[in-house]
mmCIF file of all heavy atoms, coordinates in Angstrom:
data_MODEL
# 
_entry.id   MODEL 
# 
loop_
_atom_site.group_PDB 
_atom_site.id 
_atom_site.type_symbol 
_atom_site.label_atom_id 
_atom_site.label_alt_id 
_atom_site.label_comp_id 
_atom_site.label_asym_id 
_atom_site.label_entity_id 
_atom_site.label_seq_id 
_atom_site.pdbx_PDB_ins_code 
_atom_site.Cartn_x 
_atom_site.Cartn_y 
_atom_site.Cartn_z 
_atom_site.occupancy 
_atom_site.B_iso_or_equiv 
_atom_site.pdbx_formal_charge 
_atom_site.auth_seq_id 
_atom_site.auth_comp_id 
_atom_site.auth_asym_id 
_atom_site.auth_atom_id 
_atom_site.pdbx_PDB_model_num 
ATOM 1   N N   . ILE A 1 1  ? 40.522 23.921 32.047 1.00 0.00 ? 1  ILE A N   1 
ATOM 2   C CA  . ILE A 1 1  ? 39.671 24.944 32.637 1.00 0.00 ? 1  ILE A CA  1 
ATOM 3   C C   . ILE A 1 1  ? 38.499 24.328 33.394 1.00 0.00 ? 1  ILE A C   1 
ATOM 4   O O   . ILE A 1 1  ? 37.962 24.911 34.340 1.00 0.00 ? 1  ILE A O   1 
ATOM 5   C CB  . ILE A 1 1  ? 39.164 25.916 31.553 1.00 0.00 ? 1  ILE A CB  1 
ATOM 6   C CG1 . ILE A 1 1  ? 38.446 27.097 32.210 1.00 0.00 ? 1  ILE A CG1 1 
ATOM 7   C CG2 . ILE A 1 1  ? 38.279 25.218 30.542 1.00 0.00 ? 1  ILE A CG2 1 
ATOM 8   C CD1 . ILE A 1 1  ? 38.040 28.165 31.229 1.00 0.00 ? 1  ILE A CD1 1 
ATOM 9   N N   . ALA A 1 2  ? 38.105 23.109 33.011 1.00 0.00 ? 2  ALA A N   1 
ATOM 10  C CA  . ALA A 1 2  ? 36.964 22.453 33.656 1.00 0.00 ? 2  ALA A CA  1 
ATOM 11  C C   . ALA A 1 2  ? 37.261 22.060 35.100 1.00 0.00 ? 2  ALA A C   1 
ATOM 12  O O   . ALA A 1 2  ? 36.343 21.713 35.849 1.00 0.00 ? 2  ALA A O   1 
ATOM 13  C CB  . ALA A 1 2  ? 36.556 21.212 32.862 1.00 0.00 ? 2  ALA A CB  1 
ATOM 14  N N   . ARG A 1 3  ? 38.531 22.143 35.507 1.00 0.00 ? 3  ARG A N   1 
ATOM 15  C CA  . ARG A 1 3  ? 38.896 21.792 36.893 1.00 0.00 ? 3  ARG A CA  1 
ATOM 16  C C   . ARG A 1 3  ? 38.097 22.628 37.886 1.00 0.00 ? 3  ARG A C   1 
ATOM 17  O O   . ARG A 1 3  ? 37.761 22.163 38.977 1.00 0.00 ? 3  ARG A O   1 
ATOM 18  C CB  . ARG A 1 3  ? 40.397 22.018 37.068 1.00 0.00 ? 3  ARG A CB  1 
ATOM 19  C CG  . ARG A 1 3  ? 40.944 21.767 38.460 1.00 0.00 ? 3  ARG A CG  1 
ATOM 20  C CD  . ARG A 1 3  ? 40.882 20.301 38.833 1.00 0.00 ? 3  ARG A CD  1 
ATOM 21  N NE  . ARG A 1 3  ? 41.528 20.073 40.123 1.00 0.00 ? 3  ARG A NE  1 
ATOM 22  C CZ  . ARG A 1 3  ? 40.971 20.317 41.299 1.00 0.00 ? 3  ARG A CZ  1 
ATOM 23  N NH1 . ARG A 1 3  ? 39.734 20.809 41.350 1.00 0.00 ? 3  ARG A NH1 1 
ATOM 24  N NH2 . ARG A 1 3  ? 41.607 20.074 42.418 1.00 0.00 ? 3  ARG A NH2 1 
ATOM 25  N N   . GLY A 1 4  ? 37.771 23.853 37.500 1.00 0.00 ? 4  GLY A N   1 
ATOM 26  C CA  . GLY A 1 4  ? 37.027 24.739 38.388 1.00 0.00 ? 4  GLY A CA  1 
ATOM 27  C C   . GLY A 1 4  ? 35.591 24.320 38.610 1.00 0.00 ? 4  GLY A C   1 
ATOM 28  O O   . GLY A 1 4  ? 34.912 24.855 39.499 1.00 0.00 ? 4  GLY A O   1 
ATOM 29  N N   . ALA A 1 5  ? 35.110 23.356 37.815 1.00 0.00 ? 5  ALA A N   1 
ATOM 30  C CA  . ALA A 1 5  ? 33.725 22.904 37.976 1.00 0.00 ? 5  ALA A CA  1 
ATOM 31  C C   . ALA A 1 5  ? 33.544 21.972 39.164 1.00 0.00 ? 5  ALA A C   1 
ATOM 32  O O   . ALA A 1 5  ? 32.421 21.775 39.641 1.00 0.00 ? 5  ALA A O   1 
ATOM 33  C CB  . ALA A 1 5  ? 33.272 22.182 36.697 1.00 0.00 ? 5  ALA A CB  1 
ATOM 34  N N   . VAL A 1 6  ? 34.638 21.410 39.663 1.00 0.00 ? 6  VAL A N   1 
ATOM 35  C CA  . VAL A 1 6  ? 34.545 20.391 40.724 1.00 0.00 ? 6  VAL A CA  1 
ATOM 36  C C   . VAL A 1 6  ? 33.957 20.973 42.005 1.00 0.00 ? 6  VAL A C   1 
ATOM 37  O O   . VAL A 1 6  ? 33.146 20.324 42.684 1.00 0.00 ? 6  VAL A O   1 
ATOM 38  C CB  . VAL A 1 6  ? 35.933 19.771 40.981 1.00 0.00 ? 6  VAL A CB  1 
ATOM 39  C CG1 . VAL A 1 6  ? 35.871 18.755 42.125 1.00 0.00 ? 6  VAL A CG1 1 
ATOM 40  C CG2 . VAL A 1 6  ? 36.458 19.089 39.710 1.00 0.00 ? 6  VAL A CG2 1 
ATOM 41  N N   . ASP A 1 7  ? 34.360 22.183 42.345 1.00 0.00 ? 7  ASP A N   1 
ATOM 42  C CA  . ASP A 1 7  ? 33.845 22.820 43.566 1.00 0.00 ? 7  ASP A CA  1 
ATOM 43  C C   . ASP A 1 7  ? 32.457 23.422 43.374 1.00 0.00 ? 7  ASP A C   1 
ATOM 44  O O   . ASP A 1 7  ? 31.891 23.984 44.298 1.00 0.00 ? 7  ASP A O   1 
ATOM 45  C CB  . ASP A 1 7  ? 34.811 23.915 44.037 1.00 0.00 ? 7  ASP A CB  1 
ATOM 46  C CG  . ASP A 1 7  ? 36.121 23.335 44.546 1.00 0.00 ? 7  ASP A CG  1 
ATOM 47  O OD1 . ASP A 1 7  ? 36.104 22.216 45.079 1.00 0.00 ? 7  ASP A OD1 1 
ATOM 48  O OD2 . ASP A 1 7  ? 37.164 24.001 44.382 1.00 0.00 ? 7  ASP A OD2 1 
ATOM 49  N N   . ARG A 1 8  ? 31.932 23.314 42.158 1.00 0.00 ? 8  ARG A N   1 
ATOM 50  C CA  . ARG A 1 8  ? 30.618 23.885 41.874 1.00 0.00 ? 8  ARG A CA  1 
ATOM 51  C C   . ARG A 1 8  ? 29.565 22.803 41.635 1.00 0.00 ? 8  ARG A C   1 
ATOM 52  O O   . ARG A 1 8  ? 28.554 23.047 40.981 1.00 0.00 ? 8  ARG A O   1 
ATOM 53  C CB  . ARG A 1 8  ? 30.712 24.821 40.673 1.00 0.00 ? 8  ARG A CB  1 
ATOM 54  C CG  . ARG A 1 8  ? 31.738 25.933 40.863 1.00 0.00 ? 8  ARG A CG  1 
ATOM 55  C CD  . ARG A 1 8  ? 31.484 27.069 39.928 1.00 0.00 ? 8  ARG A CD  1 
ATOM 56  N NE  . ARG A 1 8  ? 32.613 27.987 39.836 1.00 0.00 ? 8  ARG A NE  1 
ATOM 57  C CZ  . ARG A 1 8  ? 32.593 29.121 39.165 1.00 0.00 ? 8  ARG A CZ  1 
ATOM 58  N NH1 . ARG A 1 8  ? 31.493 29.472 38.505 1.00 0.00 ? 8  ARG A NH1 1 
ATOM 59  N NH2 . ARG A 1 8  ? 33.635 29.904 39.111 1.00 0.00 ? 8  ARG A NH2 1 
ATOM 60  N N   . GLY A 1 9  ? 29.848 21.611 42.155 1.00 0.00 ? 9  GLY A N   1 
ATOM 61  C CA  . GLY A 1 9  ? 28.811 20.585 42.147 1.00 0.00 ? 9  GLY A CA  1 
ATOM 62  C C   . GLY A 1 9  ? 28.889 19.559 41.036 1.00 0.00 ? 9  GLY A C   1 
ATOM 63  O O   . GLY A 1 9  ? 27.900 18.872 40.768 1.00 0.00 ? 9  GLY A O   1 
ATOM 64  N N   . TYR A 1 10 ? 30.064 19.439 40.385 1.00 0.00 ? 10 TYR A N   1 
ATOM 65  C CA  . TYR A 1 10 ? 30.209 18.482 39.291 1.00 0.00 ? 10 TYR A CA  1 
ATOM 66  C C   . TYR A 1 10 ? 31.313 17.473 39.572 1.00 0.00 ? 10 TYR A C   1 
ATOM 67  O O   . TYR A 1 10 ? 32.320 17.795 40.217 1.00 0.00 ? 10 TYR A O   1 
ATOM 68  C CB  . TYR A 1 10 ? 30.550 19.208 37.984 1.00 0.00 ? 10 TYR A CB  1 
ATOM 69  C CG  . TYR A 1 10 ? 29.412 20.043 37.460 1.00 0.00 ? 10 TYR A CG  1 
ATOM 70  C CD1 . TYR A 1 10 ? 29.263 21.373 37.860 1.00 0.00 ? 10 TYR A CD1 1 
ATOM 71  C CD2 . TYR A 1 10 ? 28.476 19.509 36.588 1.00 0.00 ? 10 TYR A CD2 1 
ATOM 72  C CE1 . TYR A 1 10 ? 28.207 22.140 37.404 1.00 0.00 ? 10 TYR A CE1 1 
ATOM 73  C CE2 . TYR A 1 10 ? 27.414 20.268 36.115 1.00 0.00 ? 10 TYR A CE2 1 
ATOM 74  C CZ  . TYR A 1 10 ? 27.289 21.584 36.527 1.00 0.00 ? 10 TYR A CZ  1 
ATOM 75  O OH  . TYR A 1 10 ? 26.240 22.343 36.074 1.00 0.00 ? 10 TYR A OH  1 
ATOM 76  N N   . ALA A 1 11 ? 31.121 16.261 39.071 1.00 0.00 ? 11 ALA A N   1 
ATOM 77  C CA  . ALA A 1 11 ? 32.231 15.318 38.967 1.00 0.00 ? 11 ALA A CA  1 
ATOM 78  C C   . ALA A 1 11 ? 32.918 15.616 37.639 1.00 0.00 ? 11 ALA A C   1 
ATOM 79  O O   . ALA A 1 11 ? 32.263 15.906 36.640 1.00 0.00 ? 11 ALA A O   1 
ATOM 80  C CB  . ALA A 1 11 ? 31.722 13.890 38.980 1.00 0.00 ? 11 ALA A CB  1 
ATOM 81  N N   . LEU A 1 12 ? 34.235 15.578 37.642 1.00 0.00 ? 12 LEU A N   1 
ATOM 82  C CA  . LEU A 1 12 ? 35.004 15.868 36.426 1.00 0.00 ? 12 LEU A CA  1 
ATOM 83  C C   . LEU A 1 12 ? 35.737 14.608 35.981 1.00 0.00 ? 12 LEU A C   1 
ATOM 84  O O   . LEU A 1 12 ? 36.411 13.946 36.779 1.00 0.00 ? 12 LEU A O   1 
ATOM 85  C CB  . LEU A 1 12 ? 36.010 16.987 36.689 1.00 0.00 ? 12 LEU A CB  1 
ATOM 86  C CG  . LEU A 1 12 ? 36.979 17.298 35.540 1.00 0.00 ? 12 LEU A CG  1 
ATOM 87  C CD1 . LEU A 1 12 ? 36.215 17.810 34.326 1.00 0.00 ? 12 LEU A CD1 1 
ATOM 88  C CD2 . LEU A 1 12 ? 38.035 18.313 35.986 1.00 0.00 ? 12 LEU A CD2 1 
ATOM 89  N N   . ILE A 1 13 ? 35.596 14.287 34.707 1.00 0.00 ? 13 ILE A N   1 
ATOM 90  C CA  . ILE A 1 13 ? 36.319 13.177 34.097 1.00 0.00 ? 13 ILE A CA  1 
ATOM 91  C C   . ILE A 1 13 ? 37.316 13.766 33.102 1.00 0.00 ? 13 ILE A C   1 
ATOM 92  O O   . ILE A 1 13 ? 36.925 14.457 32.163 1.00 0.00 ? 13 ILE A O   1 
ATOM 93  C CB  . ILE A 1 13 ? 35.361 12.219 33.345 1.00 0.00 ? 13 ILE A CB  1 
ATOM 94  C CG1 . ILE A 1 13 ? 34.254 11.709 34.273 1.00 0.00 ? 13 ILE A CG1 1 
ATOM 95  C CG2 . ILE A 1 13 ? 36.144 11.070 32.716 1.00 0.00 ? 13 ILE A CG2 1 
ATOM 96  C CD1 . ILE A 1 13 ? 34.687 10.740 35.321 1.00 0.00 ? 13 ILE A CD1 1 
ATOM 97  N N   . ASP A 1 14 ? 38.593 13.520 33.316 1.00 0.00 ? 14 ASP A N   1 
ATOM 98  C CA  . ASP A 1 14 ? 39.661 14.036 32.455 1.00 0.00 ? 14 ASP A CA  1 
ATOM 99  C C   . ASP A 1 14 ? 40.213 12.856 31.645 1.00 0.00 ? 14 ASP A C   1 
ATOM 100 O O   . ASP A 1 14 ? 40.772 11.919 32.209 1.00 0.00 ? 14 ASP A O   1 
ATOM 101 C CB  . ASP A 1 14 ? 40.747 14.663 33.331 1.00 0.00 ? 14 ASP A CB  1 
ATOM 102 C CG  . ASP A 1 14 ? 41.824 15.374 32.528 1.00 0.00 ? 14 ASP A CG  1 
ATOM 103 O OD1 . ASP A 1 14 ? 41.692 15.469 31.302 1.00 0.00 ? 14 ASP A OD1 1 
ATOM 104 O OD2 . ASP A 1 14 ? 42.807 15.832 33.150 1.00 0.00 ? 14 ASP A OD2 1 
ATOM 105 N N   . VAL A 1 15 ? 40.048 12.907 30.327 1.00 0.00 ? 15 VAL A N   1 
ATOM 106 C CA  . VAL A 1 15 ? 40.244 11.728 29.476 1.00 0.00 ? 15 VAL A CA  1 
ATOM 107 C C   . VAL A 1 15 ? 41.496 11.841 28.609 1.00 0.00 ? 15 VAL A C   1 
ATOM 108 O O   . VAL A 1 15 ? 41.779 12.896 28.039 1.00 0.00 ? 15 VAL A O   1 
ATOM 109 C CB  . VAL A 1 15 ? 39.016 11.556 28.545 1.00 0.00 ? 15 VAL A CB  1 
ATOM 110 C CG1 . VAL A 1 15 ? 39.219 10.401 27.573 1.00 0.00 ? 15 VAL A CG1 1 
ATOM 111 C CG2 . VAL A 1 15 ? 37.756 11.337 29.371 1.00 0.00 ? 15 VAL A CG2 1 
ATOM 112 N N   . GLU A 1 16 ? 42.244 10.746 28.512 1.00 0.00 ? 16 GLU A N   1 
ATOM 113 C CA  . GLU A 1 16 ? 43.255 10.650 27.469 1.00 0.00 ? 16 GLU A CA  1 
ATOM 114 C C   . GLU A 1 16 ? 42.645 9.905  26.286 1.00 0.00 ? 16 GLU A C   1 
ATOM 115 O O   . GLU A 1 16 ? 41.711 9.111  26.450 1.00 0.00 ? 16 GLU A O   1 
ATOM 116 C CB  . GLU A 1 16 ? 44.500 9.904  27.958 1.00 0.00 ? 16 GLU A CB  1 
ATOM 117 C CG  . GLU A 1 16 ? 44.351 8.394  28.047 1.00 0.00 ? 16 GLU A CG  1 
ATOM 118 C CD  . GLU A 1 16 ? 45.688 7.660  28.124 1.00 0.00 ? 16 GLU A CD  1 
ATOM 119 O OE1 . GLU A 1 16 ? 46.744 8.289  27.958 1.00 0.00 ? 16 GLU A OE1 1 
ATOM 120 O OE2 . GLU A 1 16 ? 45.664 6.445  28.362 1.00 0.00 ? 16 GLU A OE2 1 
ATOM 121 N N   . TYR A 1 17 ? 43.164 10.190 25.117 1.00 0.00 ? 17 TYR A N   1 
ATOM 122 C CA  . TYR A 1 17 ? 42.727 9.478  23.921 1.00 0.00 ? 17 TYR A CA  1 
ATOM 123 C C   . TYR A 1 17 ? 43.950 9.262  23.033 1.00 0.00 ? 17 TYR A C   1 
ATOM 124 O O   . TYR A 1 17 ? 44.983 9.931  23.192 1.00 0.00 ? 17 TYR A O   1 
ATOM 125 C CB  . TYR A 1 17 ? 41.636 10.255 23.175 1.00 0.00 ? 17 TYR A CB  1 
ATOM 126 C CG  . TYR A 1 17 ? 41.981 11.693 22.828 1.00 0.00 ? 17 TYR A CG  1 
ATOM 127 C CD1 . TYR A 1 17 ? 42.624 12.020 21.628 1.00 0.00 ? 17 TYR A CD1 1 
ATOM 128 C CD2 . TYR A 1 17 ? 41.667 12.733 23.702 1.00 0.00 ? 17 TYR A CD2 1 
ATOM 129 C CE1 . TYR A 1 17 ? 42.934 13.330 21.308 1.00 0.00 ? 17 TYR A CE1 1 
ATOM 130 C CE2 . TYR A 1 17 ? 41.983 14.053 23.382 1.00 0.00 ? 17 TYR A CE2 1 
ATOM 131 C CZ  . TYR A 1 17 ? 42.615 14.343 22.193 1.00 0.00 ? 17 TYR A CZ  1 
ATOM 132 O OH  . TYR A 1 17 ? 42.929 15.640 21.881 1.00 0.00 ? 17 TYR A OH  1 
ATOM 133 N N   . ARG A 1 18 ? 43.847 8.334  22.106 1.00 0.00 ? 18 ARG A N   1 
ATOM 134 C CA  . ARG A 1 18 ? 44.985 8.052  21.234 1.00 0.00 ? 18 ARG A CA  1 
ATOM 135 C C   . ARG A 1 18 ? 45.264 9.251  20.326 1.00 0.00 ? 18 ARG A C   1 
ATOM 136 O O   . ARG A 1 18 ? 44.355 9.775  19.685 1.00 0.00 ? 18 ARG A O   1 
ATOM 137 C CB  . ARG A 1 18 ? 44.709 6.802  20.404 1.00 0.00 ? 18 ARG A CB  1 
ATOM 138 C CG  . ARG A 1 18 ? 44.821 5.505  21.193 1.00 0.00 ? 18 ARG A CG  1 
ATOM 139 C CD  . ARG A 1 18 ? 44.355 4.324  20.378 1.00 0.00 ? 18 ARG A CD  1 
ATOM 140 N NE  . ARG A 1 18 ? 42.900 4.344  20.198 1.00 0.00 ? 18 ARG A NE  1 
ATOM 141 C CZ  . ARG A 1 18 ? 42.246 3.557  19.351 1.00 0.00 ? 18 ARG A CZ  1 
ATOM 142 N NH1 . ARG A 1 18 ? 42.913 2.704  18.593 1.00 0.00 ? 18 ARG A NH1 1 
ATOM 143 N NH2 . ARG A 1 18 ? 40.928 3.635  19.257 1.00 0.00 ? 18 ARG A NH2 1 
ATOM 144 N N   . LEU A 1 19 ? 46.508 9.670  20.302 1.00 0.00 ? 19 LEU A N   1 
ATOM 145 C CA  . LEU A 1 19 ? 46.916 10.789 19.468 1.00 0.00 ? 19 LEU A CA  1 
ATOM 146 C C   . LEU A 1 19 ? 47.214 10.305 18.053 1.00 0.00 ? 19 LEU A C   1 
ATOM 147 O O   . LEU A 1 19 ? 47.366 9.105  17.809 1.00 0.00 ? 19 LEU A O   1 
ATOM 148 C CB  . LEU A 1 19 ? 48.130 11.481 20.086 1.00 0.00 ? 19 LEU A CB  1 
ATOM 149 C CG  . LEU A 1 19 ? 47.938 11.982 21.532 1.00 0.00 ? 19 LEU A CG  1 
ATOM 150 C CD1 . LEU A 1 19 ? 49.233 12.575 22.057 1.00 0.00 ? 19 LEU A CD1 1 
ATOM 151 C CD2 . LEU A 1 19 ? 46.804 13.001 21.616 1.00 0.00 ? 19 LEU A CD2 1 
ATOM 152 N N   . SER A 1 20 ? 47.307 11.256 17.123 1.00 0.00 ? 20 SER A N   1 
ATOM 153 C CA  . SER A 1 20 ? 47.442 10.874 15.713 1.00 0.00 ? 20 SER A CA  1 
ATOM 154 C C   . SER A 1 20 ? 48.745 10.149 15.412 1.00 0.00 ? 20 SER A C   1 
ATOM 155 O O   . SER A 1 20 ? 48.823 9.401  14.436 1.00 0.00 ? 20 SER A O   1 
ATOM 156 C CB  . SER A 1 20 ? 47.316 12.115 14.824 1.00 0.00 ? 20 SER A CB  1 
ATOM 157 O OG  . SER A 1 20 ? 48.284 13.097 15.159 1.00 0.00 ? 20 SER A OG  1 
ATOM 158 N N   . GLY A 1 21 ? 49.787 10.343 16.246 1.00 0.00 ? 21 GLY A N   1 
ATOM 159 C CA  . GLY A 1 21 ? 51.029 9.603  16.056 1.00 0.00 ? 21 GLY A CA  1 
ATOM 160 C C   . GLY A 1 21 ? 50.896 8.141  16.413 1.00 0.00 ? 21 GLY A C   1 
ATOM 161 O O   . GLY A 1 21 ? 51.710 7.304  15.998 1.00 0.00 ? 21 GLY A O   1 
ATOM 162 N N   . GLU A 1 22 ? 49.871 7.810  17.190 1.00 0.00 ? 22 GLU A N   1 
ATOM 163 C CA  . GLU A 1 22 ? 49.614 6.426  17.594 1.00 0.00 ? 22 GLU A CA  1 
ATOM 164 C C   . GLU A 1 22 ? 48.556 5.778  16.726 1.00 0.00 ? 22 GLU A C   1 
ATOM 165 O O   . GLU A 1 22 ? 48.657 4.600  16.360 1.00 0.00 ? 22 GLU A O   1 
ATOM 166 C CB  . GLU A 1 22 ? 49.180 6.394  19.061 1.00 0.00 ? 22 GLU A CB  1 
ATOM 167 C CG  . GLU A 1 22 ? 48.853 5.014  19.587 1.00 0.00 ? 22 GLU A CG  1 
ATOM 168 C CD  . GLU A 1 22 ? 48.435 5.013  21.046 1.00 0.00 ? 22 GLU A CD  1 
ATOM 169 O OE1 . GLU A 1 22 ? 48.489 6.084  21.699 1.00 0.00 ? 22 GLU A OE1 1 
ATOM 170 O OE2 . GLU A 1 22 ? 48.057 3.939  21.553 1.00 0.00 ? 22 GLU A OE2 1 
ATOM 171 N N   . ALA A 1 23 ? 47.516 6.529  16.396 1.00 0.00 ? 23 ALA A N   1 
ATOM 172 C CA  . ALA A 1 23 ? 46.419 5.993  15.576 1.00 0.00 ? 23 ALA A CA  1 
ATOM 173 C C   . ALA A 1 23 ? 45.694 7.152  14.923 1.00 0.00 ? 23 ALA A C   1 
ATOM 174 O O   . ALA A 1 23 ? 45.437 8.178  15.554 1.00 0.00 ? 23 ALA A O   1 
ATOM 175 C CB  . ALA A 1 23 ? 45.454 5.178  16.441 1.00 0.00 ? 23 ALA A CB  1 
ATOM 176 N N   . ILE A 1 24 ? 45.348 6.999  13.642 1.00 0.00 ? 24 ILE A N   1 
ATOM 177 C CA  . ILE A 1 24 ? 44.655 8.076  12.933 1.00 0.00 ? 24 ILE A CA  1 
ATOM 178 C C   . ILE A 1 24 ? 43.146 7.975  13.160 1.00 0.00 ? 24 ILE A C   1 
ATOM 179 O O   . ILE A 1 24 ? 42.646 7.010  13.757 1.00 0.00 ? 24 ILE A O   1 
ATOM 180 C CB  . ILE A 1 24 ? 44.985 8.060  11.426 1.00 0.00 ? 24 ILE A CB  1 
ATOM 181 C CG1 . ILE A 1 24 ? 44.475 6.773  10.758 1.00 0.00 ? 24 ILE A CG1 1 
ATOM 182 C CG2 . ILE A 1 24 ? 46.486 8.224  11.203 1.00 0.00 ? 24 ILE A CG2 1 
ATOM 183 C CD1 . ILE A 1 24 ? 44.529 6.806  9.228  1.00 0.00 ? 24 ILE A CD1 1 
ATOM 184 N N   . PHE A 1 25 ? 42.427 8.999  12.666 1.00 0.00 ? 25 PHE A N   1 
ATOM 185 C CA  . PHE A 1 25 ? 40.972 8.999  12.704 1.00 0.00 ? 25 PHE A CA  1 
ATOM 186 C C   . PHE A 1 25 ? 40.445 7.668  12.139 1.00 0.00 ? 25 PHE A C   1 
ATOM 187 O O   . PHE A 1 25 ? 40.984 7.150  11.158 1.00 0.00 ? 25 PHE A O   1 
ATOM 188 C CB  . PHE A 1 25 ? 40.465 10.173 11.861 1.00 0.00 ? 25 PHE A CB  1 
ATOM 189 C CG  . PHE A 1 25 ? 38.999 10.129 11.553 1.00 0.00 ? 25 PHE A CG  1 
ATOM 190 C CD1 . PHE A 1 25 ? 38.081 10.651 12.436 1.00 0.00 ? 25 PHE A CD1 1 
ATOM 191 C CD2 . PHE A 1 25 ? 38.531 9.540  10.382 1.00 0.00 ? 25 PHE A CD2 1 
ATOM 192 C CE1 . PHE A 1 25 ? 36.731 10.603 12.164 1.00 0.00 ? 25 PHE A CE1 1 
ATOM 193 C CE2 . PHE A 1 25 ? 37.180 9.477  10.101 1.00 0.00 ? 25 PHE A CE2 1 
ATOM 194 C CZ  . PHE A 1 25 ? 36.280 10.007 10.993 1.00 0.00 ? 25 PHE A CZ  1 
ATOM 195 N N   . PRO A 1 26 ? 39.414 7.058  12.757 1.00 0.00 ? 26 PRO A N   1 
ATOM 196 C CA  . PRO A 1 26 ? 38.515 7.611  13.782 1.00 0.00 ? 26 PRO A CA  1 
ATOM 197 C C   . PRO A 1 26 ? 38.850 7.206  15.219 1.00 0.00 ? 26 PRO A C   1 
ATOM 198 O O   . PRO A 1 26 ? 37.967 7.207  16.069 1.00 0.00 ? 26 PRO A O   1 
ATOM 199 C CB  . PRO A 1 26 ? 37.171 7.025  13.371 1.00 0.00 ? 26 PRO A CB  1 
ATOM 200 C CG  . PRO A 1 26 ? 37.516 5.647  12.879 1.00 0.00 ? 26 PRO A CG  1 
ATOM 201 C CD  . PRO A 1 26 ? 38.847 5.810  12.175 1.00 0.00 ? 26 PRO A CD  1 
ATOM 202 N N   . ALA A 1 27 ? 40.105 6.838  15.488 1.00 0.00 ? 27 ALA A N   1 
ATOM 203 C CA  . ALA A 1 27 ? 40.466 6.366  16.826 1.00 0.00 ? 27 ALA A CA  1 
ATOM 204 C C   . ALA A 1 27 ? 40.066 7.359  17.912 1.00 0.00 ? 27 ALA A C   1 
ATOM 205 O O   . ALA A 1 27 ? 39.568 6.974  18.977 1.00 0.00 ? 27 ALA A O   1 
ATOM 206 C CB  . ALA A 1 27 ? 41.968 6.095  16.891 1.00 0.00 ? 27 ALA A CB  1 
# 
């Protein structure tokens, strides 16, 4: 939903992170 912020004056960073099948908390 944050994609709509780009045209309203923001840079958007869309992040991947390690999922629980790859690494558990606190990864």
